[in-house]
Amino acid sequence: MKILLPNVSIKVNENVYLKNPENSDLGRKILSSSIDLIDDIGFEKFTFGKLAKLIKTSEASIYRYFDSKHKLLLYFASWYWRWLEFSLVFKLANIESADERLIRTIKFLTQKVEIDDSFLHINEVKLNSIIINEVSKVYLTKDVDKENKDGIYSGYKQLVSRVSDIILEINPNYQYSHMIVSTVVEGAHSQRYFAEHLPRLTDVIEGEDAVAKFYTELVFKAIKIENNK
């Protein structure tokens, strides 16, 4: 996706970092190189020591930005959710039909990600792969309630609420709008993972984006059936 707006930035909750990495060359290098390294070796094997060696800096310098690799992963998840909403706003601009907005939204949330040239230090394709493979580690922790209280998941909630509002335009009586949106987002991640690694757990159809088509049919059937009751 190419928006090409000058001075665009994604605001991430300040409780995730000690020093905003967007405000320095080293901070941006930490972000871009972390994405490359996590995508290459996985989050379990990723350490700040390995990152420091890769970018030729001290481990202490990285700790000035993030106090743990968990916080770094939280940063990436938070950035990703904000970026999805930011991108979605542009995709839906000037489209009056709620049905058409929902179709485009589901496709956007479930399709394979493309590079966005507005953020040169973030590889969105690799980040999407990290989110698919690692995002459960963000909130399946003992600290999830505290992090939620600190507003760290607000970007994800805002994205879900924005899509939920479109569903409620189509069917104001549908009671599960937030549930179905989060199911689409999380489910699409799982299906992309299955398609790449465990294809017998999903349906890979040549010449078709089966994930996007499946979730589009799922959502519209659910809200239209409910609307007809």
C-alpha atoms as a PDB file:
ATOM      1  CA  MET A   1       0.000   0.000   0.000  1.00  0.00           C
ATOM      2  CA  LYS A   2       1.395   3.424  -0.949  1.00  0.00           C
ATOM      3  CA  ILE A   3       0.043   6.508   0.776  1.00  0.00           C
ATOM      4  CA  LEU A   4       3.150   8.698   0.469  1.00  0.00           C
ATOM      5  CA  LEU A   5       2.256  11.384   2.972  1.00  0.00           C
ATOM      6  CA  PRO A   6       5.075  13.516   4.402  1.00  0.00           C
ATOM      7  CA  ASN A   7       5.909  13.403   8.124  1.00  0.00           C
ATOM      8  CA  VAL A   8       3.471  10.584   8.852  1.00  0.00           C
ATOM      9  CA  SER A   9       3.979   8.840  12.194  1.00  0.00           C
ATOM     10  CA  ILE A  10       2.140   6.182  14.141  1.00  0.00           C
ATOM     11  CA  LYS A  11       1.592   7.047  17.806  1.00  0.00           C
ATOM     12  CA  VAL A  12       2.296   4.151  20.170  1.00  0.00           C
ATOM     13  CA  ASN A  13       1.315   4.130  23.850  1.00  0.00           C
ATOM     14  CA  GLU A  14       4.216   5.573  25.845  1.00  0.00           C
ATOM     15  CA  ASN A  15       3.890   2.867  28.516  1.00  0.00           C
ATOM     16  CA  VAL A  16       5.465   0.428  26.047  1.00  0.00           C
ATOM     17  CA  TYR A  17       8.846   2.153  25.776  1.00  0.00           C
ATOM     18  CA  LEU A  18      11.332   4.036  27.955  1.00  0.00           C
ATOM     19  CA  LYS A  19      12.487   6.326  25.141  1.00  0.00           C
ATOM     20  CA  ASN A  20      10.527   6.846  21.936  1.00  0.00           C
ATOM     21  CA  PRO A  21      12.462   4.983  19.217  1.00  0.00           C
ATOM     22  CA  GLU A  22      10.858   7.085  16.481  1.00  0.00           C
ATOM     23  CA  ASN A  23      12.793  10.143  17.668  1.00  0.00           C
ATOM     24  CA  SER A  24      16.335   9.009  16.861  1.00  0.00           C
ATOM     25  CA  ASP A  25      18.330   7.229  14.171  1.00  0.00           C
ATOM     26  CA  LEU A  26      19.394   4.538  16.651  1.00  0.00           C
ATOM     27  CA  GLY A  27      15.791   4.019  17.780  1.00  0.00           C
ATOM     28  CA  ARG A  28      14.565   3.560  14.226  1.00  0.00           C
ATOM     29  CA  LYS A  29      17.482   1.220  13.536  1.00  0.00           C
ATOM     30  CA  ILE A  30      16.514  -0.827  16.604  1.00  0.00           C
ATOM     31  CA  LEU A  31      12.997  -1.167  15.199  1.00  0.00           C
ATOM     32  CA  SER A  32      13.949  -2.057  11.641  1.00  0.00           C
ATOM     33  CA  SER A  33      16.717  -4.492  12.626  1.00  0.00           C
ATOM     34  CA  SER A  34      14.568  -6.118  15.328  1.00  0.00           C
ATOM     35  CA  ILE A  35      11.918  -6.855  12.712  1.00  0.00           C
ATOM     36  CA  ASP A  36      14.532  -8.423  10.435  1.00  0.00           C
ATOM     37  CA  LEU A  37      16.035 -10.495  13.241  1.00  0.00           C
ATOM     38  CA  ILE A  38      12.760 -11.702  14.778  1.00  0.00           C
ATOM     39  CA  ASP A  39      11.453 -12.599  11.331  1.00  0.00           C
ATOM     40  CA  ASP A  40      14.668 -14.526  10.679  1.00  0.00           C
ATOM     41  CA  ILE A  41      15.175 -16.459  13.938  1.00  0.00           C
ATOM     42  CA  GLY A  42      11.867 -16.144  15.817  1.00  0.00           C
ATOM     43  CA  PHE A  43      10.998 -14.316  19.014  1.00  0.00           C
ATOM     44  CA  GLU A  44      12.159 -17.098  21.367  1.00  0.00           C
ATOM     45  CA  LYS A  45      15.732 -16.975  20.049  1.00  0.00           C
ATOM     46  CA  PHE A  46      15.775 -13.194  19.717  1.00  0.00           C
ATOM     47  CA  THR A  47      17.804 -11.324  22.365  1.00  0.00           C
ATOM     48  CA  PHE A  48      18.964  -7.763  22.797  1.00  0.00           C
ATOM     49  CA  GLY A  49      22.513  -9.128  22.797  1.00  0.00           C
ATOM     50  CA  LYS A  50      22.066 -10.539  19.291  1.00  0.00           C
ATOM     51  CA  LEU A  51      20.400  -7.319  18.162  1.00  0.00           C
ATOM     52  CA  ALA A  52      23.232  -5.201  19.586  1.00  0.00           C
ATOM     53  CA  LYS A  53      25.784  -7.285  17.701  1.00  0.00           C
ATOM     54  CA  LEU A  54      23.804  -6.953  14.476  1.00  0.00           C
ATOM     55  CA  ILE A  55      23.501  -3.156  14.621  1.00  0.00           C
ATOM     56  CA  LYS A  56      26.954  -2.642  16.179  1.00  0.00           C
ATOM     57  CA  THR A  57      25.848  -0.948  19.377  1.00  0.00           C
ATOM     58  CA  SER A  58      25.848  -1.843  23.068  1.00  0.00           C
ATOM     59  CA  GLU A  59      23.121  -3.899  24.702  1.00  0.00           C
ATOM     60  CA  ALA A  60      22.785  -1.083  27.256  1.00  0.00           C
ATOM     61  CA  SER A  61      21.866   1.321  24.440  1.00  0.00           C
ATOM     62  CA  ILE A  62      18.914  -0.871  23.477  1.00  0.00           C
ATOM     63  CA  TYR A  63      17.753  -1.091  27.092  1.00  0.00           C
ATOM     64  CA  ARG A  64      17.494   2.700  27.123  1.00  0.00           C
ATOM     65  CA  TYR A  65      14.561   2.309  24.711  1.00  0.00           C
ATOM     66  CA  PHE A  66      12.904  -0.920  25.929  1.00  0.00           C
ATOM     67  CA  ASP A  67      13.239  -2.611  29.304  1.00  0.00           C
ATOM     68  CA  SER A  68      12.512  -6.080  27.876  1.00  0.00           C
ATOM     69  CA  LYS A  69      11.967  -7.872  24.585  1.00  0.00           C
ATOM     70  CA  HIS A  70       8.352  -8.349  25.638  1.00  0.00           C
ATOM     71  CA  LYS A  71       7.908  -4.576  25.643  1.00  0.00           C
ATOM     72  CA  LEU A  72       9.516  -4.440  22.205  1.00  0.00           C
ATOM     73  CA  LEU A  73       6.995  -6.999  20.926  1.00  0.00           C
ATOM     74  CA  LEU A  74       4.219  -4.967  22.533  1.00  0.00           C
ATOM     75  CA  TYR A  75       5.528  -1.935  20.661  1.00  0.00           C
ATOM     76  CA  PHE A  76       5.362  -3.777  17.353  1.00  0.00           C
ATOM     77  CA  ALA A  77       1.854  -5.086  18.024  1.00  0.00           C
ATOM     78  CA  SER A  78       0.662  -1.617  19.082  1.00  0.00           C
ATOM     79  CA  TRP A  79       2.268  -0.010  16.032  1.00  0.00           C
ATOM     80  CA  TYR A  80       0.724  -2.644  13.747  1.00  0.00           C
ATOM     81  CA  TRP A  81      -2.812  -2.145  15.084  1.00  0.00           C
ATOM     82  CA  ARG A  82      -2.527   1.639  14.752  1.00  0.00           C
ATOM     83  CA  TRP A  83      -1.121   1.268  11.236  1.00  0.00           C
ATOM     84  CA  LEU A  84      -4.002  -1.008  10.224  1.00  0.00           C
ATOM     85  CA  GLU A  85      -6.540   1.583  11.370  1.00  0.00           C
ATOM     86  CA  PHE A  86      -4.591   4.424   9.753  1.00  0.00           C
ATOM     87  CA  SER A  87      -4.486   2.532   6.445  1.00  0.00           C
ATOM     88  CA  LEU A  88      -8.119   1.500   6.689  1.00  0.00           C
ATOM     89  CA  VAL A  89      -9.286   5.104   7.001  1.00  0.00           C
ATOM     90  CA  PHE A  90      -7.693   5.881   3.640  1.00  0.00           C
ATOM     91  CA  LYS A  91      -9.096   2.761   2.005  1.00  0.00           C
ATOM     92  CA  LEU A  92     -12.640   3.648   3.036  1.00  0.00           C
ATOM     93  CA  ALA A  93     -12.536   7.360   2.241  1.00  0.00           C
ATOM     94  CA  ASN A  94     -15.508   8.584   0.167  1.00  0.00           C
ATOM     95  CA  ILE A  95     -17.215   5.177   0.073  1.00  0.00           C
ATOM     96  CA  GLU A  96     -20.825   5.717   1.104  1.00  0.00           C
ATOM     97  CA  SER A  97     -22.139   2.149   1.004  1.00  0.00           C
ATOM     98  CA  ALA A  98     -21.712   0.409   4.363  1.00  0.00           C
ATOM     99  CA  ASP A  99     -21.792  -2.980   2.623  1.00  0.00           C
ATOM    100  CA  GLU A 100     -18.954  -1.980   0.314  1.00  0.00           C
ATOM    101  CA  ARG A 101     -16.942  -0.531   3.206  1.00  0.00           C
ATOM    102  CA  LEU A 102     -17.343  -3.778   5.119  1.00  0.00           C
ATOM    103  CA  ILE A 103     -16.314  -5.886   2.107  1.00  0.00           C
ATOM    104  CA  ARG A 104     -13.177  -3.783   1.639  1.00  0.00           C
ATOM    105  CA  THR A 105     -12.440  -3.836   5.351  1.00  0.00           C
ATOM    106  CA  ILE A 106     -12.632  -7.612   5.671  1.00  0.00           C
ATOM    107  CA  LYS A 107     -10.449  -8.022   2.593  1.00  0.00           C
ATOM    108  CA  PHE A 108      -7.913  -5.585   4.003  1.00  0.00           C
ATOM    109  CA  LEU A 109      -7.821  -7.258   7.428  1.00  0.00           C
ATOM    110  CA  THR A 110      -7.447 -10.764   6.011  1.00  0.00           C
ATOM    111  CA  GLN A 111      -5.327 -10.368   2.889  1.00  0.00           C
ATOM    112  CA  LYS A 112      -1.548 -10.572   2.677  1.00  0.00           C
ATOM    113  CA  VAL A 113       0.125  -7.294   3.650  1.00  0.00           C
ATOM    114  CA  GLU A 114       1.986  -5.079   1.186  1.00  0.00           C
ATOM    115  CA  ILE A 115       4.809  -2.648   1.880  1.00  0.00           C
ATOM    116  CA  ASP A 116       3.702   0.866   2.835  1.00  0.00           C
ATOM    117  CA  ASP A 117       6.324   3.344   1.608  1.00  0.00           C
ATOM    118  CA  SER A 118       5.198   5.932   4.153  1.00  0.00           C
ATOM    119  CA  PHE A 119       7.230   4.158   6.860  1.00  0.00           C
ATOM    120  CA  LEU A 120      10.678   3.366   5.495  1.00  0.00           C
ATOM    121  CA  HIS A 121      12.055   1.968   8.771  1.00  0.00           C
ATOM    122  CA  ILE A 122       9.213  -0.557   9.144  1.00  0.00           C
ATOM    123  CA  ASN A 123       8.896  -3.553   6.845  1.00  0.00           C
ATOM    124  CA  GLU A 124       5.158  -4.194   7.083  1.00  0.00           C
ATOM    125  CA  VAL A 125       5.378  -7.564   5.316  1.00  0.00           C
ATOM    126  CA  LYS A 126       7.866  -8.925   7.838  1.00  0.00           C
ATOM    127  CA  LEU A 127       5.985  -7.257  10.692  1.00  0.00           C
ATOM    128  CA  ASN A 128       2.782  -8.952   9.567  1.00  0.00           C
ATOM    129  CA  SER A 129       4.601 -12.299   9.653  1.00  0.00           C
ATOM    130  CA  ILE A 130       5.791 -11.541  13.188  1.00  0.00           C
ATOM    131  CA  ILE A 131       2.260 -10.606  14.270  1.00  0.00           C
ATOM    132  CA  ILE A 132       0.889 -13.842  12.809  1.00  0.00           C
ATOM    133  CA  ASN A 133       3.567 -15.977  14.466  1.00  0.00           C
ATOM    134  CA  GLU A 134       4.120 -14.164  17.741  1.00  0.00           C
ATOM    135  CA  VAL A 135       1.207 -11.869  18.651  1.00  0.00           C
ATOM    136  CA  SER A 136      -0.362 -14.317  21.133  1.00  0.00           C
ATOM    137  CA  LYS A 137       2.730 -13.785  23.287  1.00  0.00           C
ATOM    138  CA  VAL A 138       1.650 -10.156  23.657  1.00  0.00           C
ATOM    139  CA  TYR A 139      -1.509 -10.729  25.677  1.00  0.00           C
ATOM    140  CA  LEU A 140      -1.399 -14.350  26.873  1.00  0.00           C
ATOM    141  CA  THR A 141       0.645 -13.306  29.891  1.00  0.00           C
ATOM    142  CA  LYS A 142       0.182 -12.691  33.611  1.00  0.00           C
ATOM    143  CA  ASP A 143       0.578  -8.942  33.011  1.00  0.00           C
ATOM    144  CA  VAL A 144      -2.266  -8.579  30.523  1.00  0.00           C
ATOM    145  CA  ASP A 145      -4.669  -6.901  32.973  1.00  0.00           C
ATOM    146  CA  LYS A 146      -2.104  -4.321  34.060  1.00  0.00           C
ATOM    147  CA  GLU A 147      -1.092  -3.649  30.477  1.00  0.00           C
ATOM    148  CA  ASN A 148      -4.734  -3.291  29.535  1.00  0.00           C
ATOM    149  CA  LYS A 149      -5.237  -0.808  32.376  1.00  0.00           C
ATOM    150  CA  ASP A 150      -2.251   1.147  31.047  1.00  0.00           C
ATOM    151  CA  GLY A 151      -4.006   1.450  27.693  1.00  0.00           C
ATOM    152  CA  ILE A 152      -1.514  -0.634  25.750  1.00  0.00           C
ATOM    153  CA  TYR A 153      -4.222  -2.489  23.817  1.00  0.00           C
ATOM    154  CA  SER A 154      -6.193   0.628  22.954  1.00  0.00           C
ATOM    155  CA  GLY A 155      -5.072   0.540  19.315  1.00  0.00           C
ATOM    156  CA  TYR A 156      -6.449  -2.955  18.821  1.00  0.00           C
ATOM    157  CA  LYS A 157      -9.693  -2.025  20.587  1.00  0.00           C
ATOM    158  CA  GLN A 158     -10.073   1.102  18.463  1.00  0.00           C
ATOM    159  CA  LEU A 159      -9.570  -0.885  15.260  1.00  0.00           C
ATOM    160  CA  VAL A 160     -12.179  -3.451  16.319  1.00  0.00           C
ATOM    161  CA  SER A 161     -14.629  -0.721  17.323  1.00  0.00           C
ATOM    162  CA  ARG A 162     -14.227   1.060  13.991  1.00  0.00           C
ATOM    163  CA  VAL A 163     -15.119  -2.107  12.067  1.00  0.00           C
ATOM    164  CA  SER A 164     -17.874  -2.933  14.566  1.00  0.00           C
ATOM    165  CA  ASP A 165     -19.489   0.423  13.776  1.00  0.00           C
ATOM    166  CA  ILE A 166     -19.686  -0.498  10.086  1.00  0.00           C
ATOM    167  CA  ILE A 167     -21.412  -3.777  10.954  1.00  0.00           C
ATOM    168  CA  LEU A 168     -23.915  -1.923  13.113  1.00  0.00           C
ATOM    169  CA  GLU A 169     -24.680   0.422  10.212  1.00  0.00           C
ATOM    170  CA  ILE A 170     -25.743  -2.630   8.236  1.00  0.00           C
ATOM    171  CA  ASN A 171     -27.534  -4.346  11.093  1.00  0.00           C
ATOM    172  CA  PRO A 172     -28.086  -2.207  14.213  1.00  0.00           C
ATOM    173  CA  ASN A 173     -29.554  -5.225  16.020  1.00  0.00           C
ATOM    174  CA  TYR A 174     -26.510  -7.461  15.650  1.00  0.00           C
ATOM    175  CA  GLN A 175     -25.288  -8.204  19.183  1.00  0.00           C
ATOM    176  CA  TYR A 176     -21.866  -9.670  18.499  1.00  0.00           C
ATOM    177  CA  SER A 177     -20.168  -7.032  16.367  1.00  0.00           C
ATOM    178  CA  HIS A 178     -16.983  -6.781  18.439  1.00  0.00           C
ATOM    179  CA  MET A 179     -16.789 -10.539  18.814  1.00  0.00           C
ATOM    180  CA  ILE A 180     -17.039 -11.217  15.112  1.00  0.00           C
ATOM    181  CA  VAL A 181     -14.457  -8.551  14.218  1.00  0.00           C
ATOM    182  CA  SER A 182     -11.855  -9.882  16.646  1.00  0.00           C
ATOM    183  CA  THR A 183     -12.653 -13.384  15.385  1.00  0.00           C
ATOM    184  CA  VAL A 184     -11.919 -12.255  11.826  1.00  0.00           C
ATOM    185  CA  VAL A 185      -8.597 -10.636  12.793  1.00  0.00           C
ATOM    186  CA  GLU A 186      -7.353 -13.486  14.989  1.00  0.00           C
ATOM    187  CA  GLY A 187      -8.797 -16.189  12.769  1.00  0.00           C
ATOM    188  CA  ALA A 188      -7.205 -14.779   9.630  1.00  0.00           C
ATOM    189  CA  HIS A 189      -3.833 -14.844  11.370  1.00  0.00           C
ATOM    190  CA  SER A 190      -4.329 -18.505  12.280  1.00  0.00           C
ATOM    191  CA  GLN A 191      -5.470 -19.453   8.785  1.00  0.00           C
ATOM    192  CA  ARG A 192      -2.474 -17.711   7.189  1.00  0.00           C
ATOM    193  CA  TYR A 193      -0.212 -19.613   9.577  1.00  0.00           C
ATOM    194  CA  PHE A 194      -1.937 -22.905   8.826  1.00  0.00           C
ATOM    195  CA  ALA A 195      -1.738 -22.315   5.081  1.00  0.00           C
ATOM    196  CA  GLU A 196       2.022 -21.849   5.307  1.00  0.00           C
ATOM    197  CA  HIS A 197       2.880 -24.514   7.878  1.00  0.00           C
ATOM    198  CA  LEU A 198      -0.098 -26.850   8.480  1.00  0.00           C
ATOM    199  CA  PRO A 199      -2.125 -26.773   5.250  1.00  0.00           C
ATOM    200  CA  ARG A 200      -4.334 -29.739   6.161  1.00  0.00           C
ATOM    201  CA  LEU A 201      -5.886 -27.577   8.885  1.00  0.00           C
ATOM    202  CA  THR A 202      -7.219 -25.100   6.347  1.00  0.00           C
ATOM    203  CA  ASP A 203      -8.293 -24.903   2.694  1.00  0.00           C
ATOM    204  CA  VAL A 204      -5.748 -23.632   0.202  1.00  0.00           C
ATOM    205  CA  ILE A 205      -7.477 -22.986  -3.125  1.00  0.00           C
ATOM    206  CA  GLU A 206      -5.347 -22.222  -6.158  1.00  0.00           C
ATOM    207  CA  GLY A 207      -6.121 -18.869  -7.749  1.00  0.00           C
ATOM    208  CA  GLU A 208      -8.246 -17.684  -4.828  1.00  0.00           C
ATOM    209  CA  ASP A 209      -7.597 -15.850  -1.591  1.00  0.00           C
ATOM    210  CA  ALA A 210      -9.576 -18.392   0.398  1.00  0.00           C
ATOM    211  CA  VAL A 211      -9.000 -16.638   3.731  1.00  0.00           C
ATOM    212  CA  ALA A 212     -10.437 -13.311   2.600  1.00  0.00           C
ATOM    213  CA  LYS A 213     -13.346 -14.960   0.801  1.00  0.00           C
ATOM    214  CA  PHE A 214     -14.179 -17.235   3.747  1.00  0.00           C
ATOM    215  CA  TYR A 215     -14.321 -14.425   6.289  1.00  0.00           C
ATOM    216  CA  THR A 216     -16.293 -12.146   3.978  1.00  0.00           C
ATOM    217  CA  GLU A 217     -18.928 -14.868   3.554  1.00  0.00           C
ATOM    218  CA  LEU A 218     -18.848 -15.665   7.277  1.00  0.00           C
ATOM    219  CA  VAL A 219     -19.454 -12.086   8.390  1.00  0.00           C
ATOM    220  CA  PHE A 220     -22.161 -11.239   5.879  1.00  0.00           C
ATOM    221  CA  LYS A 221     -24.047 -14.476   6.468  1.00  0.00           C
ATOM    222  CA  ALA A 222     -23.905 -13.915  10.220  1.00  0.00           C
ATOM    223  CA  ILE A 223     -25.132 -10.337  10.210  1.00  0.00           C
ATOM    224  CA  LYS A 224     -27.711 -10.843   7.447  1.00  0.00           C
ATOM    225  CA  ILE A 225     -29.175 -13.940   9.080  1.00  0.00           C
ATOM    226  CA  GLU A 226     -29.451 -12.071  12.359  1.00  0.00           C
ATOM    227  CA  ASN A 227     -31.047  -9.162  10.510  1.00  0.00           C
ATOM    228  CA  ASN A 228     -33.735 -11.449   9.078  1.00  0.00           C
ATOM    229  CA  LYS A 229     -34.783 -12.972  12.405  1.00  0.00           C
END
